[in-house]
Protein backbone atom coordinates (compact mmCIF):
# COMPACT_ATOMS: atom_id res chain seq x y z
CA UNK A 1 0.00 0.00 0.00
CA UNK A 2 1.25 3.44 -0.88
CA UNK A 3 2.07 5.92 1.87
CA UNK A 4 -0.50 8.24 0.32
CA UNK A 5 -3.36 5.82 0.79
CA UNK A 6 -4.68 4.30 3.93
CA UNK A 7 -7.74 2.20 4.53
CA UNK A 8 -10.31 3.20 7.03
CA UNK A 9 -13.00 0.89 8.32
CA UNK A 10 -16.05 3.09 8.78
CA UNK A 11 -18.23 0.20 9.98
CA UNK A 12 -18.21 0.22 13.74
CA UNK A 13 -16.20 3.46 13.75
CA UNK A 14 -18.38 6.01 11.98
CA UNK A 15 -21.36 3.73 11.59
CA UNK A 16 -22.70 1.81 14.56
CA UNK A 17 -23.34 -1.27 12.45
CA UNK A 18 -24.20 -3.59 15.33
CA UNK A 19 -26.42 -1.00 17.01
CA UNK A 20 -28.26 -0.35 13.76
CA UNK A 21 -29.01 -4.01 13.13
CA UNK A 22 -29.95 -4.52 16.77
CA UNK A 23 -32.32 -1.53 16.58
CA UNK A 24 -34.09 -2.95 13.54
CA UNK A 25 -34.44 -6.33 15.24
CA UNK A 26 -35.80 -4.63 18.35
CA UNK A 27 -38.36 -2.71 16.27
CA UNK A 28 -39.45 -5.79 14.32
CA UNK A 29 -39.55 -8.19 17.28
CA UNK A 30 -40.13 -6.07 20.42
CA UNK A 31 -41.07 -9.07 22.57
CA UNK A 32 -37.78 -10.88 21.92
CA UNK A 33 -34.18 -10.42 23.04
CA UNK A 34 -32.74 -8.17 20.32
CA UNK A 35 -29.16 -8.79 21.43
CA UNK A 36 -29.62 -12.55 21.24
CA UNK A 37 -31.23 -12.20 17.82
CA UNK A 38 -28.31 -10.02 16.69
CA UNK A 39 -25.78 -12.71 17.60
CA UNK A 40 -27.84 -15.39 15.86
CA UNK A 41 -28.15 -13.15 12.80
CA UNK A 42 -24.37 -12.81 12.69
CA UNK A 43 -24.08 -16.60 12.70
CA UNK A 44 -26.33 -16.72 9.62
CA UNK A 45 -24.92 -13.86 7.55
CA UNK A 46 -21.49 -15.35 6.72
CA UNK A 47 -23.08 -18.56 5.44
CA UNK A 48 -25.14 -16.51 2.99
CA UNK A 49 -22.07 -14.69 1.69
CA UNK A 50 -19.78 -17.68 1.38
CA UNK A 51 -18.98 -18.50 -2.23
CA UNK A 52 -21.62 -16.14 -3.60
CA UNK A 53 -21.29 -12.87 -5.43
CA UNK A 54 -24.62 -11.38 -4.45
CA UNK A 55 -25.39 -7.80 -3.46
CA UNK A 56 -25.15 -7.13 0.26
CA UNK A 57 -28.76 -5.89 0.25
CA UNK A 58 -29.77 -9.39 -0.82
CA UNK A 59 -27.67 -10.95 1.95
CA UNK A 60 -29.34 -8.67 4.52
CA UNK A 61 -32.80 -9.55 3.24
CA UNK A 62 -32.13 -13.29 3.11
CA UNK A 63 -30.44 -13.18 6.52
CA UNK A 64 -33.35 -11.46 8.22
CA UNK A 65 -35.83 -13.83 6.60
CA UNK A 66 -33.82 -16.89 7.63
CA UNK A 67 -33.40 -15.58 11.17
CA UNK A 68 -37.15 -15.12 11.51
CA UNK A 69 -37.78 -18.62 10.16
CA UNK A 70 -35.24 -20.26 12.48
CA UNK A 71 -36.52 -18.37 15.52
CA UNK A 72 -40.19 -18.95 14.71
CA UNK A 73 -40.82 -15.21 14.40
CA UNK A 74 -43.46 -13.61 12.21
CA UNK A 75 -41.89 -11.34 9.61
CA UNK A 76 -44.30 -9.46 7.37
CA UNK A 77 -43.46 -9.46 3.65
CA UNK A 78 -43.00 -5.68 3.70
CA UNK A 79 -40.44 -6.02 6.54
CA UNK A 80 -38.15 -8.52 4.81
CA UNK A 81 -35.98 -5.67 3.48
CA UNK A 82 -35.84 -3.78 6.79
CA UNK A 83 -32.10 -4.30 7.22
CA UNK A 84 -31.32 -3.52 3.59
PDB file of N, CA and C in Angstrom:
ATOM      1  N   UNK A   1       0.848  -1.174   0.000  1.00  0.00           N
ATOM      2  CA  UNK A   1       0.000   0.000   0.000  1.00  0.00           C
ATOM      3  C   UNK A   1       0.896   1.240   0.000  1.00  0.00           C
ATOM      4  N   UNK A   2       0.523   2.184  -0.783  1.00  0.00           N
ATOM      5  CA  UNK A   2       1.246   3.441  -0.881  1.00  0.00           C
ATOM      6  C   UNK A   2       1.118   4.235   0.408  1.00  0.00           C
ATOM      7  N   UNK A   3       2.126   5.049   0.700  1.00  0.00           N
ATOM      8  CA  UNK A   3       2.070   5.920   1.870  1.00  0.00           C
ATOM      9  C   UNK A   3       0.948   6.943   1.763  1.00  0.00           C
ATOM     10  N   UNK A   4       0.554   7.244   0.534  1.00  0.00           N
ATOM     11  CA  UNK A   4      -0.500   8.236   0.319  1.00  0.00           C
ATOM     12  C   UNK A   4      -1.874   7.700   0.669  1.00  0.00           C
ATOM     13  N   UNK A   5      -2.044   6.407   0.616  1.00  0.00           N
ATOM     14  CA  UNK A   5      -3.363   5.822   0.789  1.00  0.00           C
ATOM     15  C   UNK A   5      -3.405   5.003   2.066  1.00  0.00           C
ATOM     16  N   UNK A   6      -4.471   5.119   2.744  1.00  0.00           N
ATOM     17  CA  UNK A   6      -4.685   4.301   3.934  1.00  0.00           C
ATOM     18  C   UNK A   6      -6.129   3.827   3.916  1.00  0.00           C
ATOM     19  N   UNK A   7      -6.359   2.684   4.455  1.00  0.00           N
ATOM     20  CA  UNK A   7      -7.737   2.197   4.531  1.00  0.00           C
ATOM     21  C   UNK A   7      -8.332   2.609   5.859  1.00  0.00           C
ATOM     22  N   UNK A   8      -9.593   2.802   5.825  1.00  0.00           N
ATOM     23  CA  UNK A   8     -10.311   3.203   7.032  1.00  0.00           C
ATOM     24  C   UNK A   8     -11.601   2.413   7.085  1.00  0.00           C
ATOM     25  N   UNK A   9     -11.793   1.695   8.143  1.00  0.00           N
ATOM     26  CA  UNK A   9     -12.997   0.892   8.317  1.00  0.00           C
ATOM     27  C   UNK A   9     -14.053   1.750   9.003  1.00  0.00           C
ATOM     28  N   UNK A  10     -15.029   2.216   8.205  1.00  0.00           N
ATOM     29  CA  UNK A  10     -16.049   3.092   8.781  1.00  0.00           C
ATOM     30  C   UNK A  10     -17.111   2.300   9.545  1.00  0.00           C
ATOM     31  N   UNK A  11     -17.219   0.999   9.290  1.00  0.00           N
ATOM     32  CA  UNK A  11     -18.234   0.197   9.977  1.00  0.00           C
ATOM     33  C   UNK A  11     -17.774  -0.076  11.405  1.00  0.00           C
ATOM     34  N   UNK A  12     -18.567   0.352  12.344  1.00  0.00           N
ATOM     35  CA  UNK A  12     -18.212   0.216  13.742  1.00  0.00           C
ATOM     36  C   UNK A  12     -17.432   1.416  14.257  1.00  0.00           C
ATOM     37  N   UNK A  13     -16.924   2.254  13.355  1.00  0.00           N
ATOM     38  CA  UNK A  13     -16.205   3.461  13.746  1.00  0.00           C
ATOM     39  C   UNK A  13     -17.094   4.673  13.531  1.00  0.00           C
ATOM     40  N   UNK A  14     -17.472   4.908  12.286  1.00  0.00           N
ATOM     41  CA  UNK A  14     -18.379   6.007  11.978  1.00  0.00           C
ATOM     42  C   UNK A  14     -19.830   5.550  11.978  1.00  0.00           C
ATOM     43  N   UNK A  15     -20.017   4.292  11.656  1.00  0.00           N
ATOM     44  CA  UNK A  15     -21.363   3.728  11.593  1.00  0.00           C
ATOM     45  C   UNK A  15     -21.485   2.673  12.677  1.00  0.00           C
ATOM     46  N   UNK A  16     -22.462   2.813  13.521  1.00  0.00           N
ATOM     47  CA  UNK A  16     -22.703   1.808  14.562  1.00  0.00           C
ATOM     48  C   UNK A  16     -23.481   0.656  13.933  1.00  0.00           C
ATOM     49  N   UNK A  17     -22.755  -0.180  13.218  1.00  0.00           N
ATOM     50  CA  UNK A  17     -23.343  -1.271  12.449  1.00  0.00           C
ATOM     51  C   UNK A  17     -24.151  -2.210  13.334  1.00  0.00           C
ATOM     52  N   UNK A  18     -23.538  -2.646  14.422  1.00  0.00           N
ATOM     53  CA  UNK A  18     -24.203  -3.590  15.333  1.00  0.00           C
ATOM     54  C   UNK A  18     -25.430  -2.940  15.973  1.00  0.00           C
ATOM     55  N   UNK A  19     -25.297  -1.704  16.400  1.00  0.00           N
ATOM     56  CA  UNK A  19     -26.417  -1.001  17.013  1.00  0.00           C
ATOM     57  C   UNK A  19     -27.564  -0.794  16.034  1.00  0.00           C
ATOM     58  N   UNK A  20     -27.232  -0.542  14.780  1.00  0.00           N
ATOM     59  CA  UNK A  20     -28.259  -0.355  13.759  1.00  0.00           C
ATOM     60  C   UNK A  20     -29.041  -1.627  13.499  1.00  0.00           C
ATOM     61  N   UNK A  21     -28.337  -2.734  13.347  1.00  0.00           N
ATOM     62  CA  UNK A  21     -29.013  -4.015  13.126  1.00  0.00           C
ATOM     63  C   UNK A  21     -29.831  -4.387  14.352  1.00  0.00           C
ATOM     64  N   UNK A  22     -29.236  -4.207  15.532  1.00  0.00           N
ATOM     65  CA  UNK A  22     -29.952  -4.518  16.770  1.00  0.00           C
ATOM     66  C   UNK A  22     -31.223  -3.681  16.883  1.00  0.00           C
ATOM     67  N   UNK A  23     -31.150  -2.412  16.522  1.00  0.00           N
ATOM     68  CA  UNK A  23     -32.320  -1.533  16.583  1.00  0.00           C
ATOM     69  C   UNK A  23     -33.440  -1.992  15.670  1.00  0.00           C
ATOM     70  N   UNK A  24     -33.086  -2.441  14.466  1.00  0.00           N
ATOM     71  CA  UNK A  24     -34.094  -2.952  13.537  1.00  0.00           C
ATOM     72  C   UNK A  24     -34.730  -4.212  14.111  1.00  0.00           C
ATOM     73  N   UNK A  25     -33.912  -5.099  14.650  1.00  0.00           N
ATOM     74  CA  UNK A  25     -34.443  -6.334  15.243  1.00  0.00           C
ATOM     75  C   UNK A  25     -35.366  -6.022  16.423  1.00  0.00           C
ATOM     76  N   UNK A  26     -34.978  -5.042  17.201  1.00  0.00           N
ATOM     77  CA  UNK A  26     -35.797  -4.632  18.347  1.00  0.00           C
ATOM     78  C   UNK A  26     -37.144  -4.067  17.885  1.00  0.00           C
ATOM     79  N   UNK A  27     -37.121  -3.280  16.820  1.00  0.00           N
ATOM     80  CA  UNK A  27     -38.359  -2.709  16.272  1.00  0.00           C
ATOM     81  C   UNK A  27     -39.270  -3.785  15.685  1.00  0.00           C
ATOM     82  N   UNK A  28     -38.669  -4.737  14.973  1.00  0.00           N
ATOM     83  CA  UNK A  28     -39.452  -5.787  14.323  1.00  0.00           C
ATOM     84  C   UNK A  28     -39.997  -6.817  15.314  1.00  0.00           C
ATOM     85  N   UNK A  29     -39.204  -7.123  16.336  1.00  0.00           N
ATOM     86  CA  UNK A  29     -39.549  -8.185  17.277  1.00  0.00           C
ATOM     87  C   UNK A  29     -39.428  -7.676  18.720  1.00  0.00           C
ATOM     88  N   UNK A  30     -40.281  -6.731  19.119  1.00  0.00           N
ATOM     89  CA  UNK A  30     -40.134  -6.069  20.422  1.00  0.00           C
ATOM     90  C   UNK A  30     -40.270  -7.003  21.624  1.00  0.00           C
ATOM     91  N   UNK A  31     -40.886  -8.141  21.450  1.00  0.00           N
ATOM     92  CA  UNK A  31     -41.074  -9.067  22.574  1.00  0.00           C
ATOM     93  C   UNK A  31     -39.953 -10.095  22.678  1.00  0.00           C
ATOM     94  N   UNK A  32     -38.879  -9.917  21.916  1.00  0.00           N
ATOM     95  CA  UNK A  32     -37.775 -10.875  21.915  1.00  0.00           C
ATOM     96  C   UNK A  32     -36.468 -10.166  22.257  1.00  0.00           C
ATOM     97  N   UNK A  33     -35.498 -10.933  22.669  1.00  0.00           N
ATOM     98  CA  UNK A  33     -34.185 -10.417  23.043  1.00  0.00           C
ATOM     99  C   UNK A  33     -33.420  -9.994  21.789  1.00  0.00           C
ATOM    100  N   UNK A  34     -33.376  -8.696  21.531  1.00  0.00           N
ATOM    101  CA  UNK A  34     -32.741  -8.172  20.317  1.00  0.00           C
ATOM    102  C   UNK A  34     -31.251  -8.497  20.270  1.00  0.00           C
ATOM    103  N   UNK A  35     -30.591  -8.477  21.412  1.00  0.00           N
ATOM    104  CA  UNK A  35     -29.159  -8.785  21.432  1.00  0.00           C
ATOM    105  C   UNK A  35     -28.923 -10.244  21.064  1.00  0.00           C
ATOM    106  N   UNK A  36     -29.726 -11.135  21.596  1.00  0.00           N
ATOM    107  CA  UNK A  36     -29.615 -12.545  21.238  1.00  0.00           C
ATOM    108  C   UNK A  36     -29.897 -12.771  19.768  1.00  0.00           C
ATOM    109  N   UNK A  37     -30.909 -12.091  19.250  1.00  0.00           N
ATOM    110  CA  UNK A  37     -31.226 -12.196  17.823  1.00  0.00           C
ATOM    111  C   UNK A  37     -30.081 -11.667  16.975  1.00  0.00           C
ATOM    112  N   UNK A  38     -29.442 -10.597  17.415  1.00  0.00           N
ATOM    113  CA  UNK A  38     -28.309 -10.021  16.692  1.00  0.00           C
ATOM    114  C   UNK A  38     -27.186 -11.039  16.559  1.00  0.00           C
ATOM    115  N   UNK A  39     -26.854 -11.715  17.649  1.00  0.00           N
ATOM    116  CA  UNK A  39     -25.782 -12.713  17.598  1.00  0.00           C
ATOM    117  C   UNK A  39     -26.160 -13.886  16.702  1.00  0.00           C
ATOM    118  N   UNK A  40     -27.402 -14.298  16.737  1.00  0.00           N
ATOM    119  CA  UNK A  40     -27.837 -15.391  15.864  1.00  0.00           C
ATOM    120  C   UNK A  40     -27.850 -14.943  14.402  1.00  0.00           C
ATOM    121  N   UNK A  41     -28.213 -13.687  14.161  1.00  0.00           N
ATOM    122  CA  UNK A  41     -28.153 -13.147  12.799  1.00  0.00           C
ATOM    123  C   UNK A  41     -26.718 -13.206  12.276  1.00  0.00           C
ATOM    124  N   UNK A  42     -25.765 -12.828  13.119  1.00  0.00           N
ATOM    125  CA  UNK A  42     -24.368 -12.810  12.686  1.00  0.00           C
ATOM    126  C   UNK A  42     -23.787 -14.210  12.517  1.00  0.00           C
ATOM    127  N   UNK A  43     -24.448 -15.218  13.018  1.00  0.00           N
ATOM    128  CA  UNK A  43     -24.078 -16.597  12.700  1.00  0.00           C
ATOM    129  C   UNK A  43     -24.570 -16.967  11.305  1.00  0.00           C
ATOM    130  N   UNK A  44     -25.701 -16.409  10.910  1.00  0.00           N
ATOM    131  CA  UNK A  44     -26.331 -16.720   9.623  1.00  0.00           C
ATOM    132  C   UNK A  44     -25.660 -15.987   8.466  1.00  0.00           C
ATOM    133  N   UNK A  45     -25.383 -14.705   8.657  1.00  0.00           N
ATOM    134  CA  UNK A  45     -24.920 -13.863   7.547  1.00  0.00           C
ATOM    135  C   UNK A  45     -23.713 -14.419   6.795  1.00  0.00           C
ATOM    136  N   UNK A  46     -22.649 -14.857   7.469  1.00  0.00           N
ATOM    137  CA  UNK A  46     -21.486 -15.350   6.717  1.00  0.00           C
ATOM    138  C   UNK A  46     -21.805 -16.557   5.830  1.00  0.00           C
ATOM    139  N   UNK A  47     -22.729 -17.396   6.252  1.00  0.00           N
ATOM    140  CA  UNK A  47     -23.077 -18.562   5.442  1.00  0.00           C
ATOM    141  C   UNK A  47     -23.781 -18.142   4.155  1.00  0.00           C
ATOM    142  N   UNK A  48     -24.468 -17.015   4.185  1.00  0.00           N
ATOM    143  CA  UNK A  48     -25.143 -16.512   2.988  1.00  0.00           C
ATOM    144  C   UNK A  48     -24.175 -15.849   2.014  1.00  0.00           C
ATOM    145  N   UNK A  49     -23.057 -15.373   2.528  1.00  0.00           N
ATOM    146  CA  UNK A  49     -22.071 -14.687   1.693  1.00  0.00           C
ATOM    147  C   UNK A  49     -21.063 -15.661   1.084  1.00  0.00           C
ATOM    148  N   UNK A  50     -20.830 -16.752   1.756  1.00  0.00           N
ATOM    149  CA  UNK A  50     -19.778 -17.682   1.378  1.00  0.00           C
ATOM    150  C   UNK A  50     -19.976 -18.227  -0.043  1.00  0.00           C
ATOM    151  N   UNK A  51     -18.985 -17.967  -0.884  1.00  0.00           N
ATOM    152  CA  UNK A  51     -18.985 -18.500  -2.233  1.00  0.00           C
ATOM    153  C   UNK A  51     -20.014 -17.886  -3.176  1.00  0.00           C
ATOM    154  N   UNK A  52     -20.600 -16.780  -2.767  1.00  0.00           N
ATOM    155  CA  UNK A  52     -21.622 -16.136  -3.603  1.00  0.00           C
ATOM    156  C   UNK A  52     -21.211 -14.704  -3.896  1.00  0.00           C
ATOM    157  N   UNK A  53     -21.538 -14.258  -5.061  1.00  0.00           N
ATOM    158  CA  UNK A  53     -21.291 -12.865  -5.428  1.00  0.00           C
ATOM    159  C   UNK A  53     -22.605 -12.125  -5.542  1.00  0.00           C
ATOM    160  N   UNK A  54     -23.315 -12.038  -4.433  1.00  0.00           N
ATOM    161  CA  UNK A  54     -24.624 -11.380  -4.455  1.00  0.00           C
ATOM    162  C   UNK A  54     -24.523 -10.026  -3.761  1.00  0.00           C
ATOM    163  N   UNK A  55     -25.392  -9.104  -4.123  1.00  0.00           N
ATOM    164  CA  UNK A  55     -25.387  -7.796  -3.461  1.00  0.00           C
ATOM    165  C   UNK A  55     -25.646  -7.944  -1.956  1.00  0.00           C
ATOM    166  N   UNK A  56     -25.008  -7.065  -1.191  1.00  0.00           N
ATOM    167  CA  UNK A  56     -25.152  -7.134   0.261  1.00  0.00           C
ATOM    168  C   UNK A  56     -26.600  -6.904   0.687  1.00  0.00           C
ATOM    169  N   UNK A  57     -27.333  -6.102  -0.057  1.00  0.00           N
ATOM    170  CA  UNK A  57     -28.755  -5.894   0.246  1.00  0.00           C
ATOM    171  C   UNK A  57     -29.501  -7.228   0.212  1.00  0.00           C
ATOM    172  N   UNK A  58     -29.140  -8.077  -0.721  1.00  0.00           N
ATOM    173  CA  UNK A  58     -29.766  -9.395  -0.817  1.00  0.00           C
ATOM    174  C   UNK A  58     -29.388 -10.259   0.378  1.00  0.00           C
ATOM    175  N   UNK A  59     -28.123 -10.193   0.783  1.00  0.00           N
ATOM    176  CA  UNK A  59     -27.670 -10.950   1.953  1.00  0.00           C
ATOM    177  C   UNK A  59     -28.445 -10.502   3.189  1.00  0.00           C
ATOM    178  N   UNK A  60     -28.601  -9.195   3.374  1.00  0.00           N
ATOM    179  CA  UNK A  60     -29.335  -8.672   4.524  1.00  0.00           C
ATOM    180  C   UNK A  60     -30.790  -9.149   4.522  1.00  0.00           C
ATOM    181  N   UNK A  61     -31.409  -9.123   3.360  1.00  0.00           N
ATOM    182  CA  UNK A  61     -32.805  -9.550   3.238  1.00  0.00           C
ATOM    183  C   UNK A  61     -32.945 -11.042   3.506  1.00  0.00           C
ATOM    184  N   UNK A  62     -32.086 -11.841   2.892  1.00  0.00           N
ATOM    185  CA  UNK A  62     -32.127 -13.292   3.113  1.00  0.00           C
ATOM    186  C   UNK A  62     -31.794 -13.632   4.566  1.00  0.00           C
ATOM    187  N   UNK A  63     -30.845 -12.914   5.140  1.00  0.00           N
ATOM    188  CA  UNK A  63     -30.443 -13.182   6.525  1.00  0.00           C
ATOM    189  C   UNK A  63     -31.558 -12.909   7.510  1.00  0.00           C
ATOM    190  N   UNK A  64     -32.240 -11.799   7.329  1.00  0.00           N
ATOM    191  CA  UNK A  64     -33.348 -11.457   8.222  1.00  0.00           C
ATOM    192  C   UNK A  64     -34.482 -12.467   8.078  1.00  0.00           C
ATOM    193  N   UNK A  65     -34.768 -12.856   6.849  1.00  0.00           N
ATOM    194  CA  UNK A  65     -35.826 -13.830   6.596  1.00  0.00           C
ATOM    195  C   UNK A  65     -35.488 -15.174   7.228  1.00  0.00           C
ATOM    196  N   UNK A  66     -34.255 -15.612   7.063  1.00  0.00           N
ATOM    197  CA  UNK A  66     -33.824 -16.888   7.632  1.00  0.00           C
ATOM    198  C   UNK A  66     -33.811 -16.847   9.155  1.00  0.00           C
ATOM    199  N   UNK A  67     -33.374 -15.731   9.722  1.00  0.00           N
ATOM    200  CA  UNK A  67     -33.398 -15.583  11.174  1.00  0.00           C
ATOM    201  C   UNK A  67     -34.817 -15.737  11.703  1.00  0.00           C
ATOM    202  N   UNK A  68     -35.753 -15.040  11.079  1.00  0.00           N
ATOM    203  CA  UNK A  68     -37.151 -15.124  11.513  1.00  0.00           C
ATOM    204  C   UNK A  68     -37.659 -16.562  11.416  1.00  0.00           C
ATOM    205  N   UNK A  69     -37.344 -17.235  10.319  1.00  0.00           N
ATOM    206  CA  UNK A  69     -37.783 -18.623  10.163  1.00  0.00           C
ATOM    207  C   UNK A  69     -37.202 -19.516  11.248  1.00  0.00           C
ATOM    208  N   UNK A  70     -35.913 -19.403  11.482  1.00  0.00           N
ATOM    209  CA  UNK A  70     -35.236 -20.257  12.479  1.00  0.00           C
ATOM    210  C   UNK A  70     -35.722 -19.989  13.903  1.00  0.00           C
ATOM    211  N   UNK A  71     -36.087 -18.743  14.168  1.00  0.00           N
ATOM    212  CA  UNK A  71     -36.522 -18.367  15.515  1.00  0.00           C
ATOM    213  C   UNK A  71     -38.032 -18.479  15.692  1.00  0.00           C
ATOM    214  N   UNK A  72     -38.733 -18.843  14.635  1.00  0.00           N
ATOM    215  CA  UNK A  72     -40.194 -18.949  14.713  1.00  0.00           C
ATOM    216  C   UNK A  72     -40.880 -17.605  14.877  1.00  0.00           C
ATOM    217  N   UNK A  73     -40.295 -16.565  14.291  1.00  0.00           N
ATOM    218  CA  UNK A  73     -40.824 -15.211  14.402  1.00  0.00           C
ATOM    219  C   UNK A  73     -41.622 -14.852  13.156  1.00  0.00           C
ATOM    220  N   UNK A  74     -42.644 -14.071  13.341  1.00  0.00           N
ATOM    221  CA  UNK A  74     -43.459 -13.612  12.213  1.00  0.00           C
ATOM    222  C   UNK A  74     -42.794 -12.376  11.615  1.00  0.00           C
ATOM    223  N   UNK A  75     -42.495 -12.457  10.327  1.00  0.00           N
ATOM    224  CA  UNK A  75     -41.890 -11.344   9.606  1.00  0.00           C
ATOM    225  C   UNK A  75     -42.787 -11.027   8.413  1.00  0.00           C
ATOM    226  N   UNK A  76     -43.409  -9.873   8.456  1.00  0.00           N
ATOM    227  CA  UNK A  76     -44.300  -9.464   7.370  1.00  0.00           C
ATOM    228  C   UNK A  76     -43.502  -9.299   6.078  1.00  0.00           C
ATOM    229  N   UNK A  77     -44.128  -9.574   4.955  1.00  0.00           N
ATOM    230  CA  UNK A  77     -43.465  -9.459   3.652  1.00  0.00           C
ATOM    231  C   UNK A  77     -42.819  -8.080   3.468  1.00  0.00           C
ATOM    232  N   UNK A  78     -43.523  -7.041   3.885  1.00  0.00           N
ATOM    233  CA  UNK A  78     -42.996  -5.677   3.700  1.00  0.00           C
ATOM    234  C   UNK A  78     -41.812  -5.376   4.619  1.00  0.00           C
ATOM    235  N   UNK A  79     -41.565  -6.224   5.624  1.00  0.00           N
ATOM    236  CA  UNK A  79     -40.444  -6.016   6.541  1.00  0.00           C
ATOM    237  C   UNK A  79     -39.197  -6.812   6.179  1.00  0.00           C
ATOM    238  N   UNK A  80     -39.291  -7.660   5.175  1.00  0.00           N
ATOM    239  CA  UNK A  80     -38.154  -8.518   4.812  1.00  0.00           C
ATOM    240  C   UNK A  80     -36.916  -7.721   4.402  1.00  0.00           C
ATOM    241  N   UNK A  81     -37.110  -6.523   3.905  1.00  0.00           N
ATOM    242  CA  UNK A  81     -35.982  -5.674   3.484  1.00  0.00           C
ATOM    243  C   UNK A  81     -35.609  -4.637   4.535  1.00  0.00           C
ATOM    244  N   UNK A  82     -36.076  -4.789   5.739  1.00  0.00           N
ATOM    245  CA  UNK A  82     -35.844  -3.777   6.791  1.00  0.00           C
ATOM    246  C   UNK A  82     -34.363  -3.521   7.058  1.00  0.00           C
ATOM    247  N   UNK A  83     -33.532  -4.523   6.999  1.00  0.00           N
ATOM    248  CA  UNK A  83     -32.105  -4.303   7.215  1.00  0.00           C
ATOM    249  C   UNK A  83     -31.444  -3.687   6.002  1.00  0.00           C
ATOM    250  N   UNK A  84     -31.922  -4.047   4.841  1.00  0.00           N
ATOM    251  CA  UNK A  84     -31.317  -3.524   3.595  1.00  0.00           C
ATOM    252  C   UNK A  84     -31.693  -2.080   3.390  1.00  0.00           C
TER     253      UNK A  84
END
